[in-house]
Amino acid sequence: MMEKVPMTAGGYAALEVELKQRQSVDRPRIIEHIAEARSHGDLSENAEYHAAKEEQSHNEGRIAELEDKLARADIIDISKLSGDTIKFGATVTLVDEDTDKKAVWQIVGEPEADAKKGRISITSPLARALIGKKKGASVEVVAPGGAKAYEITKVEWR
């Protein structure tokens, strides 16, 4: 049984773009590098050849990973979601109960999580603590940096 990978339509599109780039641009470029390095003679001591083969292996592995994630994608349309209970796709505003620092996080699928862009994976400790809670609730999250307490001040769907 294949486990579905939840993601937004935007996350799915980003994976498709990366896959096309790796298949139609990166793959031919790497093959060219290998052919060029091979023409330099002795392969056993050819660092350029080994580097190109390593790059090819990495690229092919990522292509397989992307194809797998796209095949198992469960695209969730956030625009159709609503309510005051936090679930996949919600954008949540939190206030750190110790520092009063405000943070806004959107709960998304693992492939599209990016902390710098305010998106956390549904499997992260913070998202798991938030799921099922409502505005006004307090949550305690045990993260690698220690336990943190947050108050949920807003739940949005955007």
Protein backbone atom coordinates (compact mmCIF):
# COMPACT_ATOMS: atom_id res chain seq x y z
CA MET A 1 0.00 0.00 0.00
CA MET A 2 1.40 3.36 -1.04
CA GLU A 3 1.15 6.06 1.58
CA LYS A 4 -0.20 9.31 0.16
CA VAL A 5 1.89 12.47 0.51
CA PRO A 6 -0.35 15.45 1.35
CA MET A 7 0.61 18.69 -0.39
CA THR A 8 -0.85 21.90 -1.74
CA ALA A 9 -1.31 22.51 -5.47
CA GLY A 10 1.61 24.98 -5.29
CA GLY A 11 3.85 22.37 -3.70
CA TYR A 12 2.94 19.85 -6.40
CA ALA A 13 3.69 22.37 -9.16
CA ALA A 14 7.10 23.18 -7.62
CA LEU A 15 8.03 19.47 -7.58
CA GLU A 16 6.94 19.15 -11.23
CA VAL A 17 9.14 22.10 -12.21
CA GLU A 18 12.16 20.61 -10.42
CA LEU A 19 11.55 17.21 -12.05
CA LYS A 20 11.35 18.73 -15.56
CA GLN A 21 14.55 20.73 -14.91
CA ARG A 22 16.43 17.64 -13.73
CA GLN A 23 15.21 15.47 -16.63
CA SER A 24 15.46 17.88 -19.56
CA VAL A 25 18.34 20.18 -18.54
CA ASP A 26 20.51 18.60 -15.84
CA ARG A 27 20.50 15.00 -17.17
CA PRO A 28 21.75 15.90 -20.71
CA ARG A 29 24.34 18.32 -19.25
CA ILE A 30 25.72 15.62 -16.94
CA ILE A 31 25.84 13.05 -19.78
CA GLU A 32 27.83 15.59 -21.80
CA HIS A 33 30.27 16.04 -18.88
CA ILE A 34 30.73 12.28 -18.60
CA ALA A 35 31.39 11.93 -22.35
CA GLU A 36 33.89 14.80 -22.27
CA ALA A 37 35.70 13.40 -19.21
CA ARG A 38 35.74 9.91 -20.78
CA SER A 39 37.53 11.33 -23.82
CA HIS A 40 40.43 12.38 -21.58
CA GLY A 41 41.63 8.78 -21.36
CA ASP A 42 42.34 6.59 -18.30
CA LEU A 43 39.13 6.50 -16.22
CA SER A 44 40.70 5.02 -13.08
CA GLU A 45 42.51 8.27 -12.24
CA ASN A 46 40.12 10.70 -13.90
CA ALA A 47 38.68 12.91 -11.14
CA GLU A 48 36.51 14.82 -13.62
CA TYR A 49 34.88 11.57 -14.78
CA HIS A 50 34.26 10.36 -11.21
CA ALA A 51 32.78 13.73 -10.20
CA ALA A 52 30.43 13.66 -13.20
CA LYS A 53 29.36 10.06 -12.41
CA GLU A 54 28.73 11.09 -8.77
CA GLU A 55 26.64 14.06 -9.95
CA GLN A 56 24.70 11.74 -12.30
CA SER A 57 23.98 9.34 -9.44
CA HIS A 58 22.74 12.18 -7.23
CA ASN A 59 20.56 13.62 -10.01
CA GLU A 60 19.01 10.23 -10.92
CA GLY A 61 18.29 9.56 -7.23
CA ARG A 62 16.52 12.91 -6.89
CA ILE A 63 14.53 12.26 -10.09
CA ALA A 64 13.34 8.92 -8.67
CA GLU A 65 12.43 10.61 -5.37
CA LEU A 66 10.47 13.37 -7.15
CA GLU A 67 8.63 10.86 -9.38
CA ASP A 68 7.69 8.86 -6.28
CA LYS A 69 6.39 11.91 -4.38
CA LEU A 70 4.41 13.13 -7.38
CA ALA A 71 2.89 9.67 -7.91
CA ARG A 72 1.80 9.50 -4.27
CA ALA A 73 0.67 13.15 -4.06
CA ASP A 74 -2.63 13.87 -2.37
CA ILE A 75 -3.32 17.43 -3.49
CA ILE A 76 -5.39 19.33 -0.95
CA ASP A 77 -7.13 22.51 -2.13
CA ILE A 78 -6.70 24.91 0.77
CA SER A 79 -9.18 27.41 -0.73
CA LYS A 80 -11.96 24.89 0.01
CA LEU A 81 -10.95 24.52 3.66
CA SER A 82 -12.36 26.56 6.51
CA GLY A 83 -13.21 26.41 10.18
CA ASP A 84 -11.47 27.34 13.40
CA THR A 85 -9.82 23.98 14.05
CA ILE A 86 -6.20 23.70 12.90
CA LYS A 87 -5.57 21.09 10.21
CA PHE A 88 -3.47 20.68 7.05
CA GLY A 89 -3.25 23.94 5.11
CA ALA A 90 -4.07 26.26 8.00
CA THR A 91 -2.02 29.40 8.50
CA VAL A 92 -1.58 29.83 12.24
CA THR A 93 -0.41 32.88 14.18
CA LEU A 94 1.34 31.98 17.43
CA VAL A 95 2.72 34.06 20.29
CA ASP A 96 5.61 32.64 22.31
CA GLU A 97 4.39 32.72 25.92
CA ASP A 98 7.92 33.43 27.23
CA THR A 99 9.10 36.13 24.81
CA ASP A 100 5.78 37.45 23.38
CA LYS A 101 7.36 36.96 19.93
CA LYS A 102 4.80 36.45 17.16
CA ALA A 103 5.26 33.79 14.47
CA VAL A 104 3.07 32.85 11.49
CA TRP A 105 3.25 29.29 10.10
CA GLN A 106 1.37 27.50 7.36
CA ILE A 107 1.05 23.73 7.81
CA VAL A 108 1.96 22.02 4.53
CA GLY A 109 3.18 18.67 3.20
CA GLU A 110 6.72 17.51 3.88
CA PRO A 111 8.03 18.10 0.31
CA GLU A 112 7.09 21.80 0.40
CA ALA A 113 8.08 22.70 3.97
CA ASP A 114 10.40 25.71 4.14
CA ALA A 115 10.88 27.45 7.48
CA LYS A 116 12.33 30.56 5.79
CA LYS A 117 9.04 30.97 3.91
CA GLY A 118 6.89 30.29 6.97
CA ARG A 119 5.83 26.77 5.94
CA ILE A 120 6.22 23.83 8.30
CA SER A 121 5.72 20.16 7.59
CA ILE A 122 2.60 18.41 8.88
CA THR A 123 5.03 15.90 10.46
CA SER A 124 7.01 18.53 12.43
CA PRO A 125 6.71 18.59 16.25
CA LEU A 126 5.08 22.06 16.14
CA ALA A 127 2.49 21.10 13.50
CA ARG A 128 1.65 17.87 15.34
CA ALA A 129 1.08 19.87 18.54
CA LEU A 130 -1.16 22.37 16.69
CA ILE A 131 -3.40 19.92 14.78
CA GLY A 132 -6.90 19.83 16.25
CA LYS A 133 -6.44 22.96 18.40
CA LYS A 134 -8.38 26.23 18.08
CA LYS A 135 -7.72 29.95 18.45
CA GLY A 136 -7.04 30.88 22.09
CA ALA A 137 -5.58 27.49 23.00
CA SER A 138 -2.14 27.07 24.50
CA VAL A 139 0.23 24.43 23.14
CA GLU A 140 3.48 23.12 24.48
CA VAL A 141 5.97 21.84 21.94
CA VAL A 142 8.99 19.75 22.79
CA ALA A 143 11.48 20.68 20.09
CA PRO A 144 15.20 19.93 19.77
CA GLY A 145 15.93 23.28 21.48
CA GLY A 146 13.75 22.41 24.50
CA ALA A 147 10.09 22.87 25.42
CA LYS A 148 8.26 25.98 24.21
CA ALA A 149 4.78 27.23 25.02
CA TYR A 150 2.69 29.14 22.46
CA GLU A 151 -0.73 30.75 22.44
CA ILE A 152 -2.72 30.40 19.21
CA THR A 153 -3.97 33.89 18.31
CA LYS A 154 -5.28 33.33 14.77
CA VAL A 155 -6.26 30.49 12.40
CA GLU A 156 -6.58 31.44 8.72
CA TRP A 157 -7.11 29.71 5.38
CA ARG A 158 -5.28 31.43 2.53
